Amino acid sequence: MFSFGKRKYSDEDLVQGCIQNDRSAQEALYRRYFAEMLRMCLRYTKDENTATEIVNNGFLRVFKKISTFAFKGSLEGWVRRLVYHSMADYYRENARYHHFLIFEEHDAIEPERGNEGFYEEDILKAVRTLPPVSQEVFRLYAIEGYSHLEVAQHLNMSEGTSKWHLSTARQRLRELLSRQADLEQRPPKVNSAL
């Protein structure tokens, strides 16, 4: 339950109110998830104005599509996914920015070895090759912005196991992307029989 003013809203109340274009339900939904969505966006952009713009565009998308929410997962997860798509659209539309997935802000900076050509789609394609649990941990932590504690609770594992899966996923992704970069930089083989 979430209360806004004197009225308490359950997820069902919020969804139904938003479907009926009830302004107080829309405001309650916005207030409930705004801070968390802003934190997620700030992981990808350090500019608070840009992050706020992305979140607001994401909520417009949420309000337009709220009637499609089927309660098959959490309302927060669904909102998070739509805001994340809004962020991806923002970077696609603003081509002067090259958005690359940052594995971790406090990681040591490694010299570039041809990986500057990888876009988010390349990395997400590589993520799908990871073992299922490592893939899920990476998605929840690095893409959706959950903490290790939240990931561990969600996947019913210890925090240390979540960190191990993330470390393993990062290492495997670095290897995959490095191999792909090496392949793209090699000149094509010429068949001597031709």
N, C-alpha and C. Protein backbone atom coordinates (compact mmCIF):
# COMPACT_ATOMS: atom_id res chain seq x y z
N MET A 1 0.83 -1.19 0.00
CA MET A 1 0.00 0.00 0.00
C MET A 1 0.87 1.25 0.00
N PHE A 2 0.46 2.22 -0.72
CA PHE A 2 1.15 3.50 -0.78
C PHE A 2 0.10 4.56 -0.56
N SER A 3 0.42 5.51 0.30
CA SER A 3 -0.58 6.55 0.52
C SER A 3 -0.10 7.85 -0.08
N PHE A 4 -1.01 8.54 -0.66
CA PHE A 4 -0.75 9.87 -1.19
C PHE A 4 -1.89 10.72 -0.69
N GLY A 5 -1.53 11.74 0.08
CA GLY A 5 -2.59 12.51 0.71
C GLY A 5 -3.26 11.62 1.73
N LYS A 6 -4.58 11.53 1.70
CA LYS A 6 -5.30 10.70 2.65
C LYS A 6 -5.67 9.35 2.07
N ARG A 7 -5.51 9.18 0.77
CA ARG A 7 -5.92 7.95 0.13
C ARG A 7 -4.74 6.98 0.03
N LYS A 8 -4.99 5.71 0.32
CA LYS A 8 -3.97 4.67 0.18
C LYS A 8 -4.25 3.89 -1.09
N TYR A 9 -3.18 3.71 -1.87
CA TYR A 9 -3.31 3.03 -3.15
C TYR A 9 -2.55 1.70 -3.13
N SER A 10 -3.20 0.63 -3.53
CA SER A 10 -2.51 -0.62 -3.80
C SER A 10 -2.05 -0.54 -5.27
N ASP A 11 -1.24 -1.50 -5.70
CA ASP A 11 -0.83 -1.51 -7.11
C ASP A 11 -2.05 -1.56 -8.03
N GLU A 12 -3.02 -2.37 -7.64
CA GLU A 12 -4.23 -2.51 -8.46
C GLU A 12 -4.98 -1.18 -8.56
N ASP A 13 -5.08 -0.48 -7.41
CA ASP A 13 -5.75 0.82 -7.40
C ASP A 13 -5.02 1.82 -8.31
N LEU A 14 -3.69 1.82 -8.21
CA LEU A 14 -2.90 2.74 -9.04
C LEU A 14 -3.11 2.47 -10.52
N VAL A 15 -3.02 1.20 -10.88
CA VAL A 15 -3.17 0.84 -12.30
C VAL A 15 -4.56 1.21 -12.79
N GLN A 16 -5.58 0.84 -12.05
CA GLN A 16 -6.96 1.15 -12.47
C GLN A 16 -7.18 2.66 -12.52
N GLY A 17 -6.66 3.38 -11.53
CA GLY A 17 -6.81 4.83 -11.52
C GLY A 17 -6.11 5.47 -12.72
N CYS A 18 -4.92 4.99 -13.05
CA CYS A 18 -4.19 5.54 -14.21
C CYS A 18 -4.90 5.20 -15.51
N ILE A 19 -5.46 4.00 -15.59
CA ILE A 19 -6.22 3.63 -16.80
C ILE A 19 -7.40 4.58 -16.99
N GLN A 20 -8.02 4.98 -15.87
CA GLN A 20 -9.17 5.89 -15.92
C GLN A 20 -8.75 7.36 -15.98
N ASN A 21 -7.44 7.58 -16.14
CA ASN A 21 -6.88 8.94 -16.25
C ASN A 21 -7.12 9.77 -15.00
N ASP A 22 -7.11 9.10 -13.84
CA ASP A 22 -7.28 9.77 -12.55
C ASP A 22 -5.96 10.44 -12.19
N ARG A 23 -5.95 11.77 -12.14
CA ARG A 23 -4.72 12.54 -11.91
C ARG A 23 -4.07 12.21 -10.57
N SER A 24 -4.87 11.98 -9.53
CA SER A 24 -4.27 11.69 -8.22
C SER A 24 -3.59 10.31 -8.25
N ALA A 25 -4.15 9.34 -8.96
CA ALA A 25 -3.51 8.02 -9.08
C ALA A 25 -2.21 8.15 -9.90
N GLN A 26 -2.25 8.97 -10.96
CA GLN A 26 -1.04 9.17 -11.76
C GLN A 26 0.06 9.82 -10.93
N GLU A 27 -0.32 10.81 -10.15
CA GLU A 27 0.67 11.49 -9.31
C GLU A 27 1.21 10.54 -8.24
N ALA A 28 0.35 9.71 -7.67
CA ALA A 28 0.79 8.75 -6.66
C ALA A 28 1.77 7.74 -7.26
N LEU A 29 1.48 7.25 -8.46
CA LEU A 29 2.39 6.32 -9.14
C LEU A 29 3.74 6.98 -9.41
N TYR A 30 3.68 8.20 -9.90
CA TYR A 30 4.89 8.97 -10.20
C TYR A 30 5.73 9.16 -8.93
N ARG A 31 5.08 9.58 -7.86
CA ARG A 31 5.81 9.83 -6.61
C ARG A 31 6.37 8.54 -6.02
N ARG A 32 5.66 7.44 -6.20
CA ARG A 32 6.12 6.17 -5.63
C ARG A 32 7.42 5.71 -6.28
N TYR A 33 7.55 5.88 -7.59
CA TYR A 33 8.70 5.30 -8.31
C TYR A 33 9.71 6.31 -8.85
N PHE A 34 9.43 7.59 -8.75
CA PHE A 34 10.32 8.59 -9.35
C PHE A 34 11.76 8.49 -8.83
N ALA A 35 11.95 8.48 -7.51
CA ALA A 35 13.30 8.49 -6.93
C ALA A 35 14.11 7.28 -7.38
N GLU A 36 13.49 6.11 -7.39
CA GLU A 36 14.20 4.90 -7.79
C GLU A 36 14.56 4.93 -9.28
N MET A 37 13.65 5.43 -10.11
CA MET A 37 13.94 5.51 -11.54
C MET A 37 15.03 6.55 -11.82
N LEU A 38 15.02 7.63 -11.06
CA LEU A 38 16.06 8.66 -11.22
C LEU A 38 17.42 8.08 -10.85
N ARG A 39 17.48 7.30 -9.76
CA ARG A 39 18.75 6.66 -9.38
C ARG A 39 19.25 5.74 -10.49
N MET A 40 18.34 4.98 -11.09
CA MET A 40 18.74 4.09 -12.17
C MET A 40 19.33 4.90 -13.32
N CYS A 41 18.67 5.98 -13.72
CA CYS A 41 19.14 6.79 -14.85
C CYS A 41 20.45 7.49 -14.53
N LEU A 42 20.64 7.87 -13.29
CA LEU A 42 21.89 8.55 -12.91
C LEU A 42 23.08 7.60 -12.96
N ARG A 43 22.84 6.30 -12.98
CA ARG A 43 23.94 5.35 -13.17
C ARG A 43 24.50 5.45 -14.58
N TYR A 44 23.70 5.92 -15.52
CA TYR A 44 24.11 5.98 -16.92
C TYR A 44 24.47 7.38 -17.37
N THR A 45 23.93 8.37 -16.73
CA THR A 45 24.26 9.75 -17.06
C THR A 45 24.44 10.50 -15.75
N LYS A 46 25.47 11.29 -15.67
CA LYS A 46 25.74 12.02 -14.43
C LYS A 46 25.01 13.36 -14.38
N ASP A 47 24.35 13.72 -15.47
CA ASP A 47 23.64 14.98 -15.54
C ASP A 47 22.22 14.78 -15.02
N GLU A 48 21.91 15.43 -13.90
CA GLU A 48 20.60 15.24 -13.27
C GLU A 48 19.46 15.74 -14.14
N ASN A 49 19.68 16.81 -14.88
CA ASN A 49 18.63 17.33 -15.77
C ASN A 49 18.30 16.32 -16.87
N THR A 50 19.33 15.72 -17.45
CA THR A 50 19.11 14.71 -18.48
C THR A 50 18.39 13.51 -17.89
N ALA A 51 18.85 13.06 -16.72
CA ALA A 51 18.22 11.91 -16.07
C ALA A 51 16.75 12.19 -15.76
N THR A 52 16.45 13.40 -15.29
CA THR A 52 15.06 13.77 -14.99
C THR A 52 14.22 13.78 -16.26
N GLU A 53 14.78 14.30 -17.34
CA GLU A 53 14.07 14.30 -18.63
C GLU A 53 13.76 12.88 -19.08
N ILE A 54 14.73 11.99 -18.94
CA ILE A 54 14.54 10.59 -19.33
C ILE A 54 13.45 9.95 -18.47
N VAL A 55 13.51 10.18 -17.16
CA VAL A 55 12.50 9.60 -16.26
C VAL A 55 11.11 10.12 -16.61
N ASN A 56 10.99 11.40 -16.84
CA ASN A 56 9.69 11.98 -17.18
C ASN A 56 9.15 11.41 -18.49
N ASN A 57 10.02 11.25 -19.48
CA ASN A 57 9.59 10.63 -20.74
C ASN A 57 9.19 9.18 -20.51
N GLY A 58 9.92 8.52 -19.61
CA GLY A 58 9.57 7.14 -19.26
C GLY A 58 8.20 7.05 -18.61
N PHE A 59 7.89 7.99 -17.73
CA PHE A 59 6.57 7.97 -17.10
C PHE A 59 5.46 8.29 -18.10
N LEU A 60 5.73 9.14 -19.07
CA LEU A 60 4.72 9.35 -20.13
C LEU A 60 4.43 8.03 -20.83
N ARG A 61 5.48 7.27 -21.09
CA ARG A 61 5.32 5.95 -21.71
C ARG A 61 4.52 5.03 -20.80
N VAL A 62 4.82 5.08 -19.50
CA VAL A 62 4.10 4.26 -18.52
C VAL A 62 2.61 4.58 -18.56
N PHE A 63 2.27 5.87 -18.53
CA PHE A 63 0.86 6.26 -18.51
C PHE A 63 0.15 5.89 -19.81
N LYS A 64 0.86 5.94 -20.93
CA LYS A 64 0.25 5.55 -22.20
C LYS A 64 0.01 4.05 -22.29
N LYS A 65 0.89 3.26 -21.65
CA LYS A 65 0.81 1.80 -21.79
C LYS A 65 0.27 1.10 -20.54
N ILE A 66 -0.17 1.86 -19.56
CA ILE A 66 -0.58 1.26 -18.28
C ILE A 66 -1.68 0.22 -18.45
N SER A 67 -2.51 0.38 -19.46
CA SER A 67 -3.59 -0.59 -19.66
C SER A 67 -3.07 -1.95 -20.11
N THR A 68 -1.81 -2.03 -20.53
CA THR A 68 -1.24 -3.32 -20.95
C THR A 68 -0.59 -4.07 -19.79
N PHE A 69 -0.47 -3.43 -18.62
CA PHE A 69 0.14 -4.10 -17.48
C PHE A 69 -0.78 -5.22 -17.02
N ALA A 70 -0.24 -6.45 -16.99
CA ALA A 70 -1.07 -7.63 -16.73
C ALA A 70 -0.83 -8.26 -15.36
N PHE A 71 -0.08 -7.60 -14.46
CA PHE A 71 0.20 -8.11 -13.13
C PHE A 71 0.88 -9.47 -13.16
N LYS A 72 1.71 -9.71 -14.20
CA LYS A 72 2.47 -10.96 -14.27
C LYS A 72 3.82 -10.82 -13.59
N GLY A 73 4.19 -9.63 -13.24
CA GLY A 73 5.41 -9.34 -12.50
C GLY A 73 5.12 -8.15 -11.62
N SER A 74 6.17 -7.58 -11.06
CA SER A 74 5.94 -6.43 -10.18
C SER A 74 5.68 -5.17 -11.01
N LEU A 75 4.90 -4.29 -10.46
CA LEU A 75 4.62 -3.01 -11.11
C LEU A 75 5.91 -2.21 -11.22
N GLU A 76 6.74 -2.25 -10.17
CA GLU A 76 8.02 -1.52 -10.22
C GLU A 76 8.91 -2.03 -11.34
N GLY A 77 9.00 -3.33 -11.51
CA GLY A 77 9.81 -3.90 -12.59
C GLY A 77 9.32 -3.47 -13.96
N TRP A 78 8.01 -3.42 -14.12
CA TRP A 78 7.42 -3.01 -15.39
C TRP A 78 7.72 -1.53 -15.65
N VAL A 79 7.57 -0.69 -14.63
CA VAL A 79 7.89 0.74 -14.76
C VAL A 79 9.37 0.90 -15.08
N ARG A 80 10.22 0.16 -14.37
CA ARG A 80 11.67 0.23 -14.59
C ARG A 80 12.02 -0.10 -16.04
N ARG A 81 11.39 -1.13 -16.57
CA ARG A 81 11.68 -1.55 -17.95
C ARG A 81 11.29 -0.45 -18.93
N LEU A 82 10.14 0.18 -18.73
CA LEU A 82 9.71 1.25 -19.64
C LEU A 82 10.61 2.49 -19.53
N VAL A 83 11.04 2.81 -18.33
CA VAL A 83 11.95 3.95 -18.16
C VAL A 83 13.30 3.62 -18.79
N TYR A 84 13.74 2.38 -18.64
CA TYR A 84 15.01 1.97 -19.26
C TYR A 84 14.91 2.09 -20.79
N HIS A 85 13.79 1.68 -21.36
CA HIS A 85 13.60 1.81 -22.82
C HIS A 85 13.59 3.29 -23.21
N SER A 86 13.03 4.12 -22.37
CA SER A 86 13.04 5.56 -22.62
C SER A 86 14.47 6.09 -22.64
N MET A 87 15.30 5.56 -21.75
CA MET A 87 16.70 5.98 -21.71
C MET A 87 17.42 5.52 -22.98
N ALA A 88 17.18 4.30 -23.40
CA ALA A 88 17.80 3.81 -24.64
C ALA A 88 17.36 4.66 -25.83
N ASP A 89 16.08 5.02 -25.88
CA ASP A 89 15.59 5.87 -26.96
C ASP A 89 16.26 7.24 -26.92
N TYR A 90 16.45 7.78 -25.72
CA TYR A 90 17.08 9.09 -25.59
C TYR A 90 18.48 9.07 -26.21
N TYR A 91 19.26 8.04 -25.89
CA TYR A 91 20.61 7.98 -26.43
C TYR A 91 20.63 7.69 -27.92
N ARG A 92 19.65 6.93 -28.39
CA ARG A 92 19.56 6.69 -29.84
C ARG A 92 19.23 7.98 -30.58
N GLU A 93 18.30 8.76 -30.03
CA GLU A 93 17.87 10.01 -30.66
C GLU A 93 18.94 11.09 -30.59
N ASN A 94 19.76 11.05 -29.57
CA ASN A 94 20.81 12.05 -29.40
C ASN A 94 22.14 11.42 -29.82
N ALA A 95 22.28 11.24 -31.12
CA ALA A 95 23.41 10.50 -31.68
C ALA A 95 24.76 11.12 -31.34
N ARG A 96 24.79 12.36 -30.92
CA ARG A 96 26.09 12.94 -30.59
C ARG A 96 26.67 12.31 -29.34
N TYR A 97 25.82 11.60 -28.60
CA TYR A 97 26.31 10.87 -27.43
C TYR A 97 26.51 9.42 -27.84
N HIS A 98 27.64 8.87 -27.51
CA HIS A 98 27.86 7.44 -27.73
C HIS A 98 27.69 6.77 -26.39
N HIS A 99 26.62 5.98 -26.27
CA HIS A 99 26.32 5.35 -24.99
C HIS A 99 26.87 3.93 -25.00
N PHE A 100 27.79 3.69 -24.13
CA PHE A 100 28.34 2.36 -23.94
C PHE A 100 27.98 1.92 -22.53
N LEU A 101 27.74 0.65 -22.37
CA LEU A 101 27.39 0.12 -21.07
C LEU A 101 28.62 0.18 -20.18
N ILE A 102 28.51 0.84 -19.04
CA ILE A 102 29.61 0.95 -18.09
C ILE A 102 29.48 -0.20 -17.12
N PHE A 103 30.52 -1.02 -17.02
CA PHE A 103 30.44 -2.18 -16.15
C PHE A 103 30.41 -1.78 -14.69
N GLU A 104 31.19 -0.80 -14.30
CA GLU A 104 31.22 -0.35 -12.92
C GLU A 104 32.04 0.91 -12.88
N GLU A 105 31.55 1.91 -12.21
CA GLU A 105 32.24 3.19 -12.19
C GLU A 105 33.59 3.11 -11.52
N HIS A 106 33.75 2.27 -10.50
CA HIS A 106 35.02 2.24 -9.79
C HIS A 106 35.98 1.21 -10.34
N ASP A 107 35.65 0.57 -11.48
CA ASP A 107 36.61 -0.34 -12.11
C ASP A 107 37.80 0.45 -12.60
N ALA A 108 38.94 -0.17 -12.59
CA ALA A 108 40.13 0.48 -13.11
C ALA A 108 39.96 0.70 -14.61
N ILE A 109 40.43 1.82 -15.09
CA ILE A 109 40.32 2.12 -16.51
C ILE A 109 41.36 1.30 -17.25
N GLU A 110 40.90 0.55 -18.22
CA GLU A 110 41.81 -0.27 -19.01
C GLU A 110 41.98 0.39 -20.36
N PRO A 111 43.15 0.25 -20.96
CA PRO A 111 43.36 0.86 -22.27
C PRO A 111 42.40 0.25 -23.29
N GLU A 112 41.89 1.07 -24.17
CA GLU A 112 40.98 0.61 -25.21
C GLU A 112 41.73 -0.27 -26.19
N ARG A 113 41.09 -1.37 -26.59
CA ARG A 113 41.70 -2.26 -27.57
C ARG A 113 40.71 -2.53 -28.68
N GLY A 114 40.17 -1.47 -29.24
CA GLY A 114 39.24 -1.65 -30.35
C GLY A 114 37.81 -1.84 -29.92
N ASN A 115 37.51 -1.75 -28.64
CA ASN A 115 36.14 -1.98 -28.17
C ASN A 115 35.28 -0.74 -28.28
N GLU A 116 35.84 0.37 -28.74
CA GLU A 116 35.04 1.58 -28.82
C GLU A 116 33.92 1.47 -29.83
N GLY A 117 33.97 0.46 -30.68
CA GLY A 117 32.93 0.27 -31.68
C GLY A 117 31.74 -0.51 -31.17
N PHE A 118 31.75 -0.94 -29.93
CA PHE A 118 30.65 -1.72 -29.40
C PHE A 118 29.57 -0.80 -28.87
N TYR A 119 28.38 -1.04 -29.30
CA TYR A 119 27.24 -0.31 -28.81
C TYR A 119 26.46 -1.20 -27.86
N GLU A 120 25.47 -0.62 -27.27
CA GLU A 120 24.67 -1.33 -26.28
C GLU A 120 24.13 -2.65 -26.85
N GLU A 121 23.71 -2.65 -28.11
CA GLU A 121 23.15 -3.86 -28.72
C GLU A 121 24.18 -4.98 -28.75
N ASP A 122 25.46 -4.64 -29.06
CA ASP A 122 26.52 -5.64 -29.09
C ASP A 122 26.71 -6.27 -27.71
N ILE A 123 26.70 -5.43 -26.71
CA ILE A 123 26.93 -5.91 -25.35
C ILE A 123 25.76 -6.76 -24.88
N LEU A 124 24.53 -6.30 -25.17
CA LEU A 124 23.36 -7.08 -24.76
C LEU A 124 23.31 -8.43 -25.47
N LYS A 125 23.76 -8.47 -26.71
CA LYS A 125 23.82 -9.74 -27.44
C LYS A 125 24.83 -10.67 -26.76
N ALA A 126 25.96 -10.12 -26.33
CA ALA A 126 26.96 -10.92 -25.62
C ALA A 126 26.42 -11.39 -24.27
N VAL A 127 25.64 -10.54 -23.60
CA VAL A 127 25.06 -10.91 -22.30
C VAL A 127 24.19 -12.15 -22.45
N ARG A 128 23.48 -12.25 -23.56
CA ARG A 128 22.58 -13.40 -23.77
C ARG A 128 23.33 -14.72 -23.93
N THR A 129 24.65 -14.68 -24.11
CA THR A 129 25.43 -15.91 -24.23
C THR A 129 25.92 -16.41 -22.86
N LEU A 130 25.71 -15.63 -21.81
CA LEU A 130 26.15 -16.02 -20.47
C LEU A 130 25.26 -17.14 -19.92
N PRO A 131 25.77 -17.91 -18.95
CA PRO A 131 24.91 -18.88 -18.27
C PRO A 131 23.70 -18.16 -17.66
N PRO A 132 22.55 -18.81 -17.60
CA PRO A 132 21.31 -18.14 -17.19
C PRO A 132 21.39 -17.36 -15.86
N VAL A 133 21.99 -17.93 -14.82
CA VAL A 133 22.02 -17.23 -13.53
C VAL A 133 22.94 -16.01 -13.61
N SER A 134 24.11 -16.16 -14.23
CA SER A 134 25.03 -15.02 -14.38
C SER A 134 24.38 -13.94 -15.23
N GLN A 135 23.65 -14.35 -16.26
CA GLN A 135 22.95 -13.40 -17.13
C GLN A 135 21.93 -12.60 -16.33
N GLU A 136 21.17 -13.29 -15.49
CA GLU A 136 20.13 -12.63 -14.70
C GLU A 136 20.74 -11.68 -13.67
N VAL A 137 21.82 -12.11 -13.01
CA VAL A 137 22.50 -11.24 -12.03
C VAL A 137 23.04 -10.01 -12.73
N PHE A 138 23.68 -10.18 -13.88
CA PHE A 138 24.24 -9.05 -14.62
C PHE A 138 23.13 -8.09 -15.03
N ARG A 139 22.02 -8.63 -15.54
CA ARG A 139 20.91 -7.79 -15.99
C ARG A 139 20.35 -6.98 -14.82
N LEU A 140 20.09 -7.65 -13.71
CA LEU A 140 19.50 -6.96 -12.57
C LEU A 140 20.45 -5.91 -11.97
N TYR A 141 21.74 -6.25 -11.87
CA TYR A 141 22.68 -5.34 -11.22
C TYR A 141 23.17 -4.25 -12.17
N ALA A 142 23.72 -4.64 -13.31
CA ALA A 142 24.38 -3.67 -14.20
C ALA A 142 23.42 -2.91 -15.10
N ILE A 143 22.31 -3.53 -15.45
CA ILE A 143 21.39 -2.86 -16.38
C ILE A 143 20.23 -2.20 -15.64
N GLU A 144 19.63 -2.93 -14.71
CA GLU A 144 18.45 -2.38 -14.04
C GLU A 144 18.76 -1.63 -12.76
N GLY A 145 20.00 -1.73 -12.27
CA GLY A 145 20.42 -0.90 -11.16
C GLY A 145 20.09 -1.41 -9.77
N TYR A 146 19.76 -2.68 -9.63
CA TYR A 146 19.51 -3.22 -8.30
C TYR A 146 20.83 -3.39 -7.55
N SER A 147 20.78 -3.35 -6.23
CA SER A 147 21.97 -3.60 -5.40
C SER A 147 22.18 -5.11 -5.31
N HIS A 148 23.38 -5.51 -4.84
CA HIS A 148 23.64 -6.94 -4.68
C HIS A 148 22.68 -7.56 -3.66
N LEU A 149 22.34 -6.82 -2.62
CA LEU A 149 21.40 -7.32 -1.63
C LEU A 149 20.04 -7.59 -2.27
N GLU A 150 19.56 -6.65 -3.10
CA GLU A 150 18.26 -6.82 -3.77
C GLU A 150 18.32 -7.98 -4.76
N VAL A 151 19.43 -8.09 -5.51
CA VAL A 151 19.57 -9.19 -6.47
C VAL A 151 19.56 -10.52 -5.72
N ALA A 152 20.30 -10.58 -4.61
CA ALA A 152 20.37 -11.82 -3.83
C ALA A 152 19.00 -12.22 -3.31
N GLN A 153 18.24 -11.26 -2.81
CA GLN A 153 16.90 -11.55 -2.30
C GLN A 153 15.98 -12.00 -3.43
N HIS A 154 16.08 -11.32 -4.57
CA HIS A 154 15.22 -11.64 -5.71
C HIS A 154 15.51 -13.04 -6.26
N LEU A 155 16.79 -13.42 -6.29
CA LEU A 155 17.17 -14.71 -6.87
C LEU A 155 17.41 -15.79 -5.82
N ASN A 156 17.11 -15.46 -4.55
CA ASN A 156 17.22 -16.43 -3.48
C ASN A 156 18.64 -17.01 -3.36
N MET A 157 19.61 -16.12 -3.24
CA MET A 157 21.01 -16.51 -3.09
C MET A 157 21.68 -15.55 -2.12
N SER A 158 22.92 -15.82 -1.77
CA SER A 158 23.63 -14.91 -0.87
C SER A 158 24.17 -13.73 -1.67
N GLU A 159 24.49 -12.66 -0.95
CA GLU A 159 25.06 -11.47 -1.57
C GLU A 159 26.40 -11.81 -2.23
N GLY A 160 27.19 -12.64 -1.56
CA GLY A 160 28.49 -13.06 -2.09
C GLY A 160 28.34 -13.83 -3.40
N THR A 161 27.32 -14.67 -3.48
CA THR A 161 27.08 -15.42 -4.72
C THR A 161 26.68 -14.47 -5.84
N SER A 162 25.88 -13.45 -5.52
CA SER A 162 25.51 -12.45 -6.51
C SER A 162 26.76 -11.75 -7.03
N LYS A 163 27.67 -11.36 -6.13
CA LYS A 163 28.91 -10.70 -6.54
C LYS A 163 29.77 -11.61 -7.39
N TRP A 164 29.83 -12.90 -7.04
CA TRP A 164 30.61 -13.85 -7.81
C TRP A 164 30.06 -13.97 -9.24
N HIS A 165 28.73 -14.10 -9.35
CA HIS A 165 28.13 -14.20 -10.69
C HIS A 165 28.40 -12.94 -11.51
N LEU A 166 28.33 -11.77 -10.87
CA LEU A 166 28.59 -10.53 -11.59
C LEU A 166 30.04 -10.49 -12.07
N SER A 167 30.97 -10.87 -11.21
CA SER A 167 32.39 -10.88 -11.58
C SER A 167 32.64 -11.84 -12.73
N THR A 168 32.05 -13.02 -12.64
CA THR A 168 32.19 -14.01 -13.70
C THR A 168 31.59 -13.49 -15.01
N ALA A 169 30.43 -12.86 -14.92
CA ALA A 169 29.78 -12.32 -16.12
C ALA A 169 30.64 -11.24 -16.76
N ARG A 170 31.19 -10.35 -15.97
CA ARG A 170 32.04 -9.28 -16.50
C ARG A 170 33.26 -9.85 -17.22
N GLN A 171 33.91 -10.82 -16.56
CA GLN A 171 35.11 -11.41 -17.16
C GLN A 171 34.77 -12.08 -18.49
N ARG A 172 33.69 -12.82 -18.49
CA ARG A 172 33.30 -13.52 -19.72
C ARG A 172 32.92 -12.52 -20.82
N LEU A 173 32.24 -11.44 -20.46
CA LEU A 173 31.88 -10.42 -21.44
C LEU A 173 33.12 -9.74 -22.00
N ARG A 174 34.08 -9.43 -21.14
CA ARG A 174 35.33 -8.82 -21.63
C ARG A 174 36.02 -9.73 -22.63
N GLU A 175 36.06 -11.03 -22.31
CA GLU A 175 36.70 -11.99 -23.22
C GLU A 175 35.95 -12.08 -24.54
N LEU A 176 34.62 -12.18 -24.47
CA LEU A 176 33.82 -12.28 -25.70
C LEU A 176 33.97 -11.04 -26.57
N LEU A 177 33.89 -9.88 -25.95
CA LEU A 177 33.98 -8.63 -26.71
C LEU A 177 35.39 -8.41 -27.25
N SER A 178 36.38 -8.83 -26.50
CA SER A 178 37.77 -8.72 -26.96
C SER A 178 37.99 -9.61 -28.17
N ARG A 179 37.48 -10.84 -28.11
CA ARG A 179 37.60 -11.76 -29.27
C ARG A 179 36.88 -11.20 -30.48
N GLN A 180 35.68 -10.64 -30.25
CA GLN A 180 34.92 -10.08 -31.36
C GLN A 180 35.68 -8.90 -31.98
N ALA A 181 36.28 -8.06 -31.14
CA ALA A 181 37.05 -6.92 -31.65
C ALA A 181 38.25 -7.40 -32.45
N ASP A 182 38.92 -8.45 -31.95
CA ASP A 182 40.07 -8.99 -32.68
C ASP A 182 39.65 -9.53 -34.04
N LEU A 183 38.50 -10.22 -34.09
CA LEU A 183 38.01 -10.76 -35.36
C LEU A 183 37.67 -9.65 -36.35
N GLU A 184 37.10 -8.56 -35.85
CA GLU A 184 36.71 -7.46 -36.73
C GLU A 184 37.91 -6.69 -37.25
N GLN A 185 39.05 -6.76 -36.54
CA GLN A 185 40.24 -6.01 -36.97
C GLN A 185 41.12 -6.81 -37.90
N ARG A 186 40.94 -8.13 -37.98
CA ARG A 186 41.76 -8.95 -38.88
C ARG A 186 41.33 -8.73 -40.32
N PRO A 187 42.30 -8.69 -41.24
CA PRO A 187 41.92 -8.61 -42.65
C PRO A 187 41.32 -9.95 -43.08
N PRO A 188 40.38 -9.91 -44.02
CA PRO A 188 39.75 -11.17 -44.45
C PRO A 188 40.78 -12.06 -45.14
N LYS A 189 40.63 -13.40 -44.95
CA LYS A 189 41.53 -14.36 -45.59
C LYS A 189 41.18 -14.46 -47.07
N VAL A 190 42.21 -14.51 -47.88
CA VAL A 190 42.01 -14.68 -49.32
C VAL A 190 42.27 -16.12 -49.67
N ASN A 191 41.34 -16.72 -50.35
CA ASN A 191 41.48 -18.13 -50.73
C ASN A 191 42.47 -18.20 -51.88
N SER A 192 43.57 -18.93 -51.68
CA SER A 192 44.62 -19.01 -52.71
C SER A 192 44.18 -19.81 -53.91
N ALA A 193 43.10 -20.57 -53.80
CA ALA A 193 42.63 -21.36 -54.93
C ALA A 193 41.90 -20.52 -55.96
N LEU A 194 41.57 -19.29 -55.60
CA LEU A 194 40.82 -18.44 -56.53
C LEU A 194 41.67 -17.86 -57.57
